[in-house]
Each structure stands twice: as structure tokens, then as C-alpha cells.
Amino acid sequence: MSVFPMMAQSAPPATPIDGGLSILLAAGGIYGVKKLRDHRRK
């Protein structure tokens, strides 16, 4: 019987949502709303 030392893998750290990502998400939402409104006008 052999015993091998093993180390447990820890979970990766959570990705922080900083200001830049928040701005990108908001811009994407605004762009999507604009595209929907333009599509309905046709």
C-alpha cells in the first residue's frame, strides 16, 4: 500500500466587477435598447 501526499485544489477567486466592466455592461444594454427601437420603427 502506497501513500501519496496530495494537496487540495482551492476554488478560483471570484472575478470582481469593477467600474470598467460596469460601464461596458451598461453600454451594451443601451445599444441593445437602441437596436430594438430602430427595428420596431421599420
Protein backbone atom coordinates (compact mmCIF):
# COMPACT_ATOMS: atom_id res chain seq x y z
CA MET A 1 0.00 0.00 0.00
CA SER A 2 1.44 3.35 -1.06
CA VAL A 3 0.61 6.75 0.33
CA PHE A 4 1.00 9.83 -1.89
CA PRO A 5 0.78 13.29 -0.40
CA MET A 6 -1.89 15.34 -2.17
CA MET A 7 -2.85 18.96 -1.95
CA ALA A 8 -6.46 20.03 -2.29
CA GLN A 9 -7.21 22.44 -5.08
CA SER A 10 -8.76 25.65 -3.90
CA ALA A 11 -11.57 27.37 -5.79
CA PRO A 12 -10.51 30.22 -8.08
CA PRO A 13 -11.08 33.67 -6.65
CA ALA A 14 -14.27 35.44 -7.67
CA THR A 15 -13.86 37.92 -10.50
CA PRO A 16 -14.55 41.41 -9.21
CA ILE A 17 -16.87 43.59 -11.24
CA ASP A 18 -15.03 46.88 -11.40
CA GLY A 19 -16.06 50.19 -12.90
CA GLY A 20 -14.87 49.37 -16.42
CA LEU A 21 -16.92 46.21 -16.67
CA SER A 22 -19.99 48.00 -15.30
CA ILE A 23 -19.63 50.67 -17.99
CA LEU A 24 -19.33 48.03 -20.71
CA LEU A 25 -22.44 46.22 -19.48
CA ALA A 26 -24.42 49.48 -19.34
CA ALA A 27 -23.26 50.48 -22.84
CA GLY A 28 -24.26 47.05 -24.18
CA GLY A 29 -27.71 47.40 -22.63
CA ILE A 30 -28.19 50.87 -24.10
CA TYR A 31 -27.04 49.65 -27.51
CA GLY A 32 -29.48 46.73 -27.36
CA VAL A 33 -32.40 49.01 -26.48
CA LYS A 34 -31.49 51.34 -29.35
CA LYS A 35 -31.36 48.44 -31.81
CA LEU A 36 -34.78 47.20 -30.65
CA ARG A 37 -36.31 50.66 -31.05
CA ASP A 38 -34.77 51.09 -34.51
CA HIS A 39 -36.07 47.67 -35.55
CA ARG A 40 -39.63 48.49 -34.40
CA ARG A 41 -39.66 51.76 -36.39
CA LYS A 42 -39.21 49.90 -39.69
